[in-house]
Amino acid sequence: MTHILAQYRTAVIPLTAVVTAVPPQNWDAPSPCEGWSARDVLAHLIQTQNETLTTNGVVLGDAPDTAPDPVGAWAQHTDGVLRALADADLVDRPIDWFFGPTTIGATFGQFYVWDMYVHRWDLARAAGLDAPFSDAELDNIQEGADLLGKALHMDGMCRPPIVPASGDRTTQVLA
């Protein structure tokens, strides 16, 4: 098992628990991501990961459509990603990515794992679910945000932070 596969699994298990817990009527509920529903958040995760892999030679096919079956689309997608990330040669493959030259593994380890943690919270909020984070997960989110630096707030990424005066660690980190 590759280190990146282990990281991805660690993030995908609790996210999948949230995905499977979303009540069917809540898939079109608004998320904290302005202009996105719960379904849009999940589609974003699927499409961006799929695009990075398929444009770099991984045969996954088209990203599954979340419209008819979000849970099934997520399961289909993550099965393909898990298979791909088990290949050490693929994980080490150099790519030119949004933030510059890197590898597929580094892209998944440094960005997509972080993205799954953050969007787990967004998805849970949209669905009215609780999504508790461990201290290790919050450390990962904070480290990922720090690593992205100013790029985190580029157009299409995250809005500037809105840090509340008080709140638990999850609120502070995700704000």
Protein backbone atom coordinates (compact mmCIF):
# COMPACT_ATOMS: atom_id res chain seq x y z
CA MET A 1 0.00 0.00 0.00
CA THR A 2 1.34 3.42 -0.89
CA HIS A 3 1.57 6.17 1.72
CA ILE A 4 -0.78 8.29 -0.41
CA LEU A 5 -3.32 5.47 -0.56
CA ALA A 6 -3.26 5.29 3.25
CA GLN A 7 -3.80 9.06 3.50
CA TYR A 8 -6.65 8.94 1.00
CA ARG A 9 -8.34 6.05 2.83
CA THR A 10 -8.03 7.89 6.13
CA ALA A 11 -9.89 10.86 4.64
CA VAL A 12 -12.37 8.93 2.50
CA ILE A 13 -13.79 6.70 5.25
CA PRO A 14 -15.38 9.47 7.37
CA LEU A 15 -16.36 11.40 4.25
CA THR A 16 -18.12 8.33 2.89
CA ALA A 17 -19.96 7.99 6.20
CA VAL A 18 -21.31 11.52 5.72
CA VAL A 19 -22.14 10.88 2.03
CA THR A 20 -24.15 7.77 2.92
CA ALA A 21 -25.93 9.58 5.77
CA VAL A 22 -27.22 12.50 3.66
CA PRO A 23 -31.02 12.21 3.51
CA PRO A 24 -32.19 12.06 -0.13
CA GLN A 25 -34.16 15.29 0.22
CA ASN A 26 -31.03 17.15 1.40
CA TRP A 27 -28.85 16.60 -1.68
CA ASP A 28 -30.11 19.86 -3.16
CA ALA A 29 -29.85 21.83 0.11
CA PRO A 30 -27.47 24.80 0.04
CA SER A 31 -23.97 24.21 1.39
CA PRO A 32 -21.63 26.68 3.08
CA CYS A 33 -19.91 26.93 -0.34
CA GLU A 34 -21.71 29.91 -1.86
CA GLY A 35 -23.93 28.86 -4.76
CA TRP A 36 -23.34 25.13 -4.25
CA SER A 37 -25.75 22.47 -3.00
CA ALA A 38 -24.67 19.33 -1.16
CA ARG A 39 -24.80 17.53 -4.53
CA ASP A 40 -22.55 20.22 -6.07
CA VAL A 41 -19.96 19.74 -3.32
CA LEU A 42 -19.85 16.00 -3.97
CA ALA A 43 -19.74 16.52 -7.75
CA HIS A 44 -16.80 18.91 -7.26
CA LEU A 45 -14.85 16.30 -5.31
CA ILE A 46 -15.52 13.65 -7.93
CA GLN A 47 -14.85 15.84 -10.96
CA THR A 48 -11.61 17.43 -9.75
CA GLN A 49 -10.03 14.16 -8.63
CA ASN A 50 -11.19 12.40 -11.79
CA GLU A 51 -9.84 15.17 -14.01
CA THR A 52 -6.42 15.16 -12.37
CA LEU A 53 -6.11 11.40 -12.82
CA THR A 54 -7.58 11.06 -16.30
CA THR A 55 -5.63 13.99 -17.78
CA ASN A 56 -2.48 12.32 -16.51
CA GLY A 57 -3.00 8.92 -18.10
CA VAL A 58 -5.15 7.07 -15.59
CA VAL A 59 -8.04 5.23 -17.21
CA LEU A 60 -11.08 5.92 -15.03
CA GLY A 61 -13.63 6.95 -17.63
CA ASP A 62 -15.96 9.88 -17.21
CA ALA A 63 -16.64 11.17 -13.73
CA PRO A 64 -19.79 9.50 -12.38
CA ASP A 65 -22.90 11.70 -12.46
CA THR A 66 -24.24 12.64 -9.04
CA ALA A 67 -27.69 13.59 -10.38
CA PRO A 68 -29.35 10.18 -10.31
CA ASP A 69 -27.45 8.61 -7.39
CA PRO A 70 -24.92 10.66 -5.41
CA VAL A 71 -24.01 7.79 -3.09
CA GLY A 72 -23.49 5.38 -5.98
CA ALA A 73 -21.45 7.97 -7.91
CA TRP A 74 -19.20 8.48 -4.88
CA ALA A 75 -18.72 4.73 -4.41
CA GLN A 76 -17.87 4.24 -8.08
CA HIS A 77 -15.46 7.16 -8.03
CA THR A 78 -13.63 6.23 -4.84
CA ASP A 79 -13.25 2.60 -5.96
CA GLY A 80 -11.39 3.82 -9.06
CA VAL A 81 -9.24 6.30 -7.14
CA LEU A 82 -8.32 3.70 -4.51
CA ARG A 83 -7.22 1.28 -7.25
CA ALA A 84 -5.19 4.01 -8.95
CA LEU A 85 -3.45 5.19 -5.77
CA ALA A 86 -2.40 1.61 -4.95
CA ASP A 87 0.02 1.80 -7.91
CA ALA A 88 3.36 3.17 -6.61
CA ASP A 89 4.53 4.03 -10.14
CA LEU A 90 1.40 6.08 -10.72
CA VAL A 91 1.74 7.87 -7.38
CA ASP A 92 5.31 8.88 -8.30
CA ARG A 93 4.35 10.05 -11.83
CA PRO A 94 5.41 13.67 -12.42
CA ILE A 95 2.67 16.04 -13.58
CA ASP A 96 2.21 19.73 -14.30
CA TRP A 97 -0.64 20.78 -12.07
CA PHE A 98 -2.50 23.94 -11.08
CA PHE A 99 0.22 24.94 -8.58
CA GLY A 100 3.15 23.84 -10.77
CA PRO A 101 5.26 20.70 -11.27
CA THR A 102 4.53 17.92 -8.79
CA THR A 103 3.52 14.25 -8.74
CA ILE A 104 0.13 12.59 -8.72
CA GLY A 105 0.81 11.35 -5.19
CA ALA A 106 1.80 14.77 -3.89
CA THR A 107 -1.28 16.30 -5.48
CA PHE A 108 -3.55 13.83 -3.73
CA GLY A 109 -1.63 13.93 -0.45
CA GLN A 110 -1.27 17.70 -0.22
CA PHE A 111 -4.49 18.88 -1.82
CA TYR A 112 -7.23 16.30 -2.42
CA VAL A 113 -7.01 14.73 1.02
CA TRP A 114 -7.26 18.23 2.50
CA ASP A 115 -10.15 19.01 0.13
CA MET A 116 -12.04 15.92 1.32
CA TYR A 117 -11.69 16.92 4.97
CA VAL A 118 -12.90 20.47 4.33
CA HIS A 119 -15.78 19.43 2.08
CA ARG A 120 -16.85 16.74 4.55
CA TRP A 121 -17.77 19.61 6.85
CA ASP A 122 -19.50 21.50 4.01
CA LEU A 123 -21.50 18.43 3.02
CA ALA A 124 -22.49 17.67 6.60
CA ARG A 125 -23.59 21.25 7.20
CA ALA A 126 -25.73 21.22 4.05
CA ALA A 127 -27.36 17.97 5.12
CA GLY A 128 -27.89 18.99 8.75
CA LEU A 129 -25.48 16.32 9.98
CA ASP A 130 -22.73 16.39 12.56
CA ALA A 131 -19.20 15.85 11.23
CA PRO A 132 -16.82 15.79 14.17
CA PHE A 133 -13.10 16.05 13.47
CA SER A 134 -10.28 14.49 15.42
CA ASP A 135 -7.33 16.61 16.48
CA ALA A 136 -5.24 14.87 13.81
CA GLU A 137 -7.79 15.80 11.12
CA LEU A 138 -7.87 19.40 12.30
CA ASP A 139 -4.06 19.43 12.25
CA ASN A 140 -4.20 18.16 8.65
CA ILE A 141 -6.69 20.87 7.66
CA GLN A 142 -4.61 23.60 9.29
CA GLU A 143 -1.35 22.32 7.78
CA GLY A 144 -2.97 22.08 4.35
CA ALA A 145 -4.29 25.62 4.57
CA ASP A 146 -0.88 26.87 5.70
CA LEU A 147 0.82 25.01 2.85
CA LEU A 148 -1.54 26.56 0.28
CA GLY A 149 -0.85 30.00 1.75
CA LYS A 150 -2.20 32.88 -0.33
CA ALA A 151 -3.23 30.45 -3.10
CA LEU A 152 -5.99 29.23 -0.78
CA HIS A 153 -7.85 32.48 -1.37
CA MET A 154 -7.41 32.67 -5.15
CA ASP A 155 -10.54 32.99 -7.27
CA GLY A 156 -12.40 29.68 -7.24
CA MET A 157 -10.77 28.41 -4.05
CA CYS A 158 -11.82 29.63 -0.60
CA ARG A 159 -13.12 32.97 0.54
CA PRO A 160 -10.98 34.93 3.00
CA PRO A 161 -11.19 33.48 6.50
CA ILE A 162 -14.00 34.58 8.77
CA VAL A 163 -12.63 33.68 12.17
CA PRO A 164 -15.20 33.97 14.92
CA ALA A 165 -14.21 35.56 18.21
CA SER A 166 -14.96 32.32 20.00
CA GLY A 167 -15.82 28.75 19.23
CA ASP A 168 -14.42 25.26 19.40
CA ARG A 169 -11.30 24.26 17.49
CA THR A 170 -13.30 22.89 14.54
CA THR A 171 -15.07 26.22 14.10
CA GLN A 172 -11.79 28.14 14.39
CA VAL A 173 -9.93 25.95 11.87
CA LEU A 174 -12.72 25.67 9.30
CA ALA A 175 -13.72 29.32 9.47
